[in-house]
């Protein structure tokens, strides 16, 4: 008899003997895990709420530099020898372009990159098939066209193709031609002066760039009601020279004529 009671007593202490204890242990473990999650939630939403919100906002903000127009270089009478003009670089978010929709046969139809290329190509002076290759794909940033004038960009923007945006740039032009390049100087492809007045008076001419910061969605598009900040660029100052451009052109033409007539060769340094 004592052996049987001992066996039953050992059975109650086995792995299946106390379900209430097991439930209680699982409950305590679950409460411990949940308390950790609750503490983290309180920390994030309470103590670190401002920091977390600021970090999330920083990830959504996009900074876009705005170049300043370089100052003009003129002769003594005000004739423009060098000036900067506004230009645009058109870029595409290829994934968003796929959503391009237009009305056809009385109903809205999604025409995607193919339709966008057909509509944009005539405005940009590009081949539609070549443009399609730039618009079709999965890249979030792809340059489509450079040196685009404001007039062309206004026509492009009216199409409202999703994923098509611009970056503002400038281009240096010399209305009087290359005759005074040795004096006025030139800018290289990186918009850095390399010679002449462009280089000597660079600090006055270059101005101060501006910037634009705005909040973007997951697709990279600007959120109209989101945070935004705009700092306008400050144009560079104009520089007026003492030369007369007409007299300068006449003198250079006469000099070139004399060199040709006398079959002269450039002087060699001694």
Protein backbone atom coordinates (compact mmCIF):
# COMPACT_ATOMS: atom_id res chain seq x y z
CA UNK A 1 0.00 0.00 0.00
CA UNK A 2 2.74 2.41 0.91
CA UNK A 3 4.42 1.65 -2.41
CA UNK A 4 1.22 2.58 -4.32
CA UNK A 5 0.77 5.89 -2.44
CA UNK A 6 4.40 6.70 -3.13
CA UNK A 7 3.86 6.05 -6.83
CA UNK A 8 0.77 8.29 -6.97
CA UNK A 9 2.62 11.02 -5.07
CA UNK A 10 5.47 10.91 -7.63
CA UNK A 11 2.93 11.04 -10.47
CA UNK A 12 1.49 14.32 -9.19
CA UNK A 13 4.98 15.86 -9.23
CA UNK A 14 5.67 14.88 -12.89
CA UNK A 15 5.68 17.20 -15.91
CA UNK A 16 1.88 17.07 -16.30
CA UNK A 17 1.00 17.22 -12.61
CA UNK A 18 0.35 20.99 -12.06
CA UNK A 19 -1.29 22.78 -15.06
CA UNK A 20 -2.20 25.71 -12.84
CA UNK A 21 1.46 26.36 -12.10
CA UNK A 22 2.34 26.15 -15.77
CA UNK A 23 -0.39 28.64 -16.70
CA UNK A 24 0.74 30.94 -13.93
CA UNK A 25 4.36 30.76 -15.11
CA UNK A 26 3.34 31.48 -18.70
CA UNK A 27 1.18 34.38 -17.53
CA UNK A 28 4.07 35.87 -15.55
CA UNK A 29 6.45 35.47 -18.53
CA UNK A 30 3.91 37.07 -20.88
CA UNK A 31 3.35 39.96 -18.49
CA UNK A 32 7.11 40.47 -18.24
CA UNK A 33 7.48 40.63 -22.03
CA UNK A 34 4.46 42.94 -22.36
CA UNK A 35 5.82 45.19 -19.65
CA UNK A 36 9.03 45.57 -21.65
CA UNK A 37 7.03 46.56 -24.74
CA UNK A 38 4.94 48.95 -22.64
CA UNK A 39 8.04 50.55 -21.17
CA UNK A 40 9.50 51.01 -24.66
CA UNK A 41 6.21 52.50 -25.86
CA UNK A 42 6.14 54.93 -22.96
CA UNK A 43 9.75 55.88 -23.62
CA UNK A 44 9.19 56.45 -27.35
CA UNK A 45 5.84 58.26 -27.10
CA UNK A 46 6.58 60.07 -23.88
CA UNK A 47 10.19 60.82 -23.09
CA UNK A 48 11.70 60.50 -26.61
CA UNK A 49 8.68 61.65 -28.64
CA UNK A 50 10.28 64.88 -29.82
CA UNK A 51 13.53 63.15 -30.75
CA UNK A 52 11.79 60.35 -32.66
CA UNK A 53 9.54 62.83 -34.48
CA UNK A 54 12.53 64.98 -35.42
CA UNK A 55 14.42 61.94 -36.75
CA UNK A 56 11.43 60.83 -38.83
CA UNK A 57 10.98 64.36 -40.20
CA UNK A 58 14.68 64.60 -41.10
CA UNK A 59 14.34 61.42 -43.17
CA UNK A 60 11.46 62.97 -45.12
CA UNK A 61 13.09 66.34 -45.76
CA UNK A 62 14.78 67.00 -49.08
CA UNK A 63 17.29 69.83 -49.54
CA UNK A 64 17.59 71.32 -53.00
CA UNK A 65 20.24 74.00 -53.70
CA UNK A 66 19.22 77.00 -55.78
CA UNK A 67 22.11 78.57 -57.72
CA UNK A 68 22.52 82.33 -57.72
CA UNK A 69 22.58 84.21 -61.00
CA UNK A 70 26.08 85.43 -61.66
CA UNK A 71 26.48 89.16 -62.13
CA UNK A 72 26.83 90.72 -65.57
CA UNK A 73 30.05 91.98 -67.08
CA UNK A 74 29.49 95.06 -69.24
CA UNK A 75 31.62 97.55 -71.14
CA UNK A 76 31.80 101.27 -70.31
CA UNK A 77 28.50 102.01 -72.09
CA UNK A 78 26.59 99.13 -70.46
CA UNK A 79 26.78 96.67 -73.38
CA UNK A 80 26.56 93.17 -71.91
CA UNK A 81 29.69 91.11 -72.46
CA UNK A 82 28.80 88.20 -70.15
CA UNK A 83 25.64 87.21 -68.30
CA UNK A 84 23.97 84.20 -66.69
CA UNK A 85 20.60 82.90 -67.83
CA UNK A 86 18.22 80.58 -66.02
CA UNK A 87 18.14 76.97 -67.15
CA UNK A 88 16.68 73.69 -65.87
CA UNK A 89 17.71 70.05 -65.68
CA UNK A 90 14.70 67.75 -66.01
CA UNK A 91 14.85 64.58 -63.91
CA UNK A 92 12.54 61.59 -63.68
CA UNK A 93 11.38 59.19 -60.99
CA UNK A 94 10.89 56.22 -63.30
CA UNK A 95 8.55 54.36 -60.94
CA UNK A 96 6.21 57.35 -60.69
CA UNK A 97 6.25 57.97 -64.45
CA UNK A 98 4.62 54.55 -64.90
CA UNK A 99 1.46 56.03 -63.34
CA UNK A 100 1.05 58.66 -66.08
CA UNK A 101 -2.60 58.75 -67.09
CA UNK A 102 -4.31 60.71 -69.86
CA UNK A 103 -7.76 60.82 -71.38
CA UNK A 104 -8.23 58.68 -74.49
CA UNK A 105 -11.54 57.85 -76.18
CA UNK A 106 -13.41 59.66 -73.44
CA UNK A 107 -11.89 57.78 -70.51
CA UNK A 108 -8.73 57.96 -68.42
CA UNK A 109 -6.11 55.47 -69.55
CA UNK A 110 -2.76 54.72 -67.93
CA UNK A 111 -0.17 55.21 -70.67
CA UNK A 112 2.95 55.05 -68.48
CA UNK A 113 6.47 55.75 -69.72
CA UNK A 114 5.56 55.11 -73.36
CA UNK A 115 2.84 57.76 -73.36
CA UNK A 116 5.03 60.17 -71.38
CA UNK A 117 7.87 59.79 -73.90
CA UNK A 118 5.53 60.43 -76.83
CA UNK A 119 4.17 63.60 -75.19
CA UNK A 120 7.47 64.98 -73.87
CA UNK A 121 9.75 64.25 -76.84
CA UNK A 122 8.41 67.02 -79.15
CA UNK A 123 8.69 69.60 -76.37
CA UNK A 124 12.28 68.64 -75.52
CA UNK A 125 13.43 68.12 -79.10
CA UNK A 126 14.31 64.49 -78.38
CA UNK A 127 13.61 61.19 -80.09
CA UNK A 128 10.62 59.49 -78.43
CA UNK A 129 12.25 56.04 -78.41
CA UNK A 130 15.44 57.39 -76.83
CA UNK A 131 13.42 59.30 -74.26
CA UNK A 132 11.40 56.18 -73.44
CA UNK A 133 14.61 54.41 -72.40
CA UNK A 134 15.26 57.22 -69.89
CA UNK A 135 11.72 57.14 -68.49
CA UNK A 136 11.17 53.39 -68.34
CA UNK A 137 12.68 51.51 -65.42
CA UNK A 138 12.87 51.45 -61.63
CA UNK A 139 15.35 54.23 -60.85
CA UNK A 140 14.12 56.96 -58.52
CA UNK A 141 16.40 59.60 -60.05
CA UNK A 142 17.40 59.83 -63.69
CA UNK A 143 18.43 62.89 -65.73
CA UNK A 144 16.23 63.30 -68.77
CA UNK A 145 17.32 66.62 -70.30
CA UNK A 146 19.75 69.43 -69.47
CA UNK A 147 20.01 73.10 -70.46
CA UNK A 148 16.22 73.41 -70.70
CA UNK A 149 14.86 76.95 -71.04
CA UNK A 150 12.10 78.28 -68.74
CA UNK A 151 9.69 78.41 -71.70
CA UNK A 152 10.20 74.72 -72.47
CA UNK A 153 9.86 73.75 -68.81
CA UNK A 154 6.53 75.59 -68.53
CA UNK A 155 5.24 73.54 -71.47
CA UNK A 156 6.52 70.32 -69.88
CA UNK A 157 5.00 71.10 -66.48
CA UNK A 158 1.55 71.61 -68.01
CA UNK A 159 1.47 67.91 -68.91
CA UNK A 160 1.64 67.07 -65.18
CA UNK A 161 3.52 63.82 -65.78
CA UNK A 162 4.02 62.17 -62.37
CA UNK A 163 7.66 61.76 -61.43
CA UNK A 164 8.89 64.57 -63.68
CA UNK A 165 10.62 67.40 -61.82
CA UNK A 166 13.39 69.94 -62.36
CA UNK A 167 16.56 71.24 -60.82
CA UNK A 168 17.27 74.89 -61.42
CA UNK A 169 20.66 75.72 -62.95
CA UNK A 170 22.31 78.64 -64.73
CA UNK A 171 24.25 79.00 -67.96
CA UNK A 172 26.90 81.60 -68.72
CA UNK A 173 26.52 83.24 -72.13
CA UNK A 174 28.59 85.82 -73.97
CA UNK A 175 26.33 87.92 -76.25
CA UNK A 176 29.24 89.73 -77.90
CA UNK A 177 30.87 86.51 -79.02
CA UNK A 178 34.40 85.22 -78.45
CA UNK A 179 36.27 88.34 -79.59
CA UNK A 180 36.75 89.60 -76.02
CA UNK A 181 37.22 86.17 -74.37
CA UNK A 182 40.85 86.93 -73.55
CA UNK A 183 39.74 89.94 -71.52
CA UNK A 184 36.35 88.85 -70.12
CA UNK A 185 37.44 85.28 -69.47
CA UNK A 186 35.42 82.05 -69.48
CA UNK A 187 33.75 79.56 -67.14
CA UNK A 188 34.49 75.84 -67.31
CA UNK A 189 31.90 73.05 -67.33
CA UNK A 190 31.73 73.11 -63.53
CA UNK A 191 30.83 76.85 -63.58
CA UNK A 192 34.22 77.80 -62.18
CA UNK A 193 35.99 80.86 -63.66
CA UNK A 194 39.35 80.07 -65.22
CA UNK A 195 40.58 83.36 -66.74
CA UNK A 196 40.05 87.08 -67.29
CA UNK A 197 37.61 89.29 -65.42
CA UNK A 198 35.48 86.24 -64.62
CA UNK A 199 38.32 85.00 -62.42
CA UNK A 200 39.61 88.33 -61.08
CA UNK A 201 36.15 89.60 -60.04
CA UNK A 202 34.71 86.21 -59.07
CA UNK A 203 33.96 87.20 -55.47
CA UNK A 204 31.70 90.06 -56.62
CA UNK A 205 30.16 88.22 -59.56
CA UNK A 206 29.23 84.85 -58.04
CA UNK A 207 26.52 85.87 -55.54
CA UNK A 208 25.14 83.64 -52.76
CA UNK A 209 23.24 80.41 -53.57
CA UNK A 210 19.85 79.80 -51.98
CA UNK A 211 18.16 76.60 -50.90
CA UNK A 212 14.77 74.93 -50.75
CA UNK A 213 13.83 72.33 -48.16
CA UNK A 214 10.54 70.45 -48.28
CA UNK A 215 8.93 67.31 -46.96
CA UNK A 216 8.57 64.35 -49.34
CA UNK A 217 6.35 61.29 -49.43
CA UNK A 218 7.53 57.69 -49.68
CA UNK A 219 7.58 58.07 -53.48
CA UNK A 220 9.85 61.12 -53.29
CA UNK A 221 7.20 63.67 -54.26
CA UNK A 222 6.72 66.90 -52.35
CA UNK A 223 3.96 66.92 -49.74
CA UNK A 224 1.99 70.13 -50.44
CA UNK A 225 0.93 70.55 -46.79
CA UNK A 226 4.25 69.36 -45.33
CA UNK A 227 7.07 71.36 -43.78
CA UNK A 228 8.94 73.59 -46.19
CA UNK A 229 11.55 76.31 -46.07
CA UNK A 230 12.84 78.56 -48.85
CA UNK A 231 15.94 80.74 -48.84
CA UNK A 232 16.13 82.94 -51.93
CA UNK A 233 19.47 83.16 -53.73
CA UNK A 234 21.24 86.52 -53.82
CA UNK A 235 22.38 87.46 -57.35
CA UNK A 236 25.97 88.50 -57.88
CA UNK A 237 26.95 92.13 -58.47
CA UNK A 238 27.51 93.50 -61.95
CA UNK A 239 31.00 94.56 -63.03
CA UNK A 240 31.45 97.41 -65.51
CA UNK A 241 34.70 97.66 -67.46
CA UNK A 242 36.29 100.80 -68.90
CA UNK A 243 36.61 99.40 -72.42
CA UNK A 244 34.38 100.25 -75.37
CA UNK A 245 33.28 96.97 -76.93
CA UNK A 246 32.85 98.44 -80.42
CA UNK A 247 36.33 99.98 -80.34
CA UNK A 248 37.73 96.75 -78.94
CA UNK A 249 36.17 94.75 -81.76
CA UNK A 250 37.47 97.19 -84.38
CA UNK A 251 40.98 97.07 -82.94
CA UNK A 252 41.05 93.28 -82.84
CA UNK A 253 39.71 92.98 -86.40
CA UNK A 254 42.36 95.39 -87.69
CA UNK A 255 45.06 93.51 -85.83
CA UNK A 256 43.89 90.18 -87.27
CA UNK A 257 43.78 91.73 -90.76
CA UNK A 258 47.34 93.06 -90.43
CA UNK A 259 48.62 89.69 -89.26
CA UNK A 260 47.03 88.00 -92.28
CA UNK A 261 48.27 90.57 -94.81
CA UNK A 262 51.86 90.43 -93.57
CA UNK A 263 51.83 86.67 -92.95
CA UNK A 264 53.08 87.43 -89.47
CA UNK A 265 53.79 84.77 -86.90
CA UNK A 266 53.26 85.01 -83.13
CA UNK A 267 56.18 86.53 -81.24
CA UNK A 268 58.34 84.02 -79.44
CA UNK A 269 59.28 84.67 -75.85
CA UNK A 270 62.90 85.63 -75.42
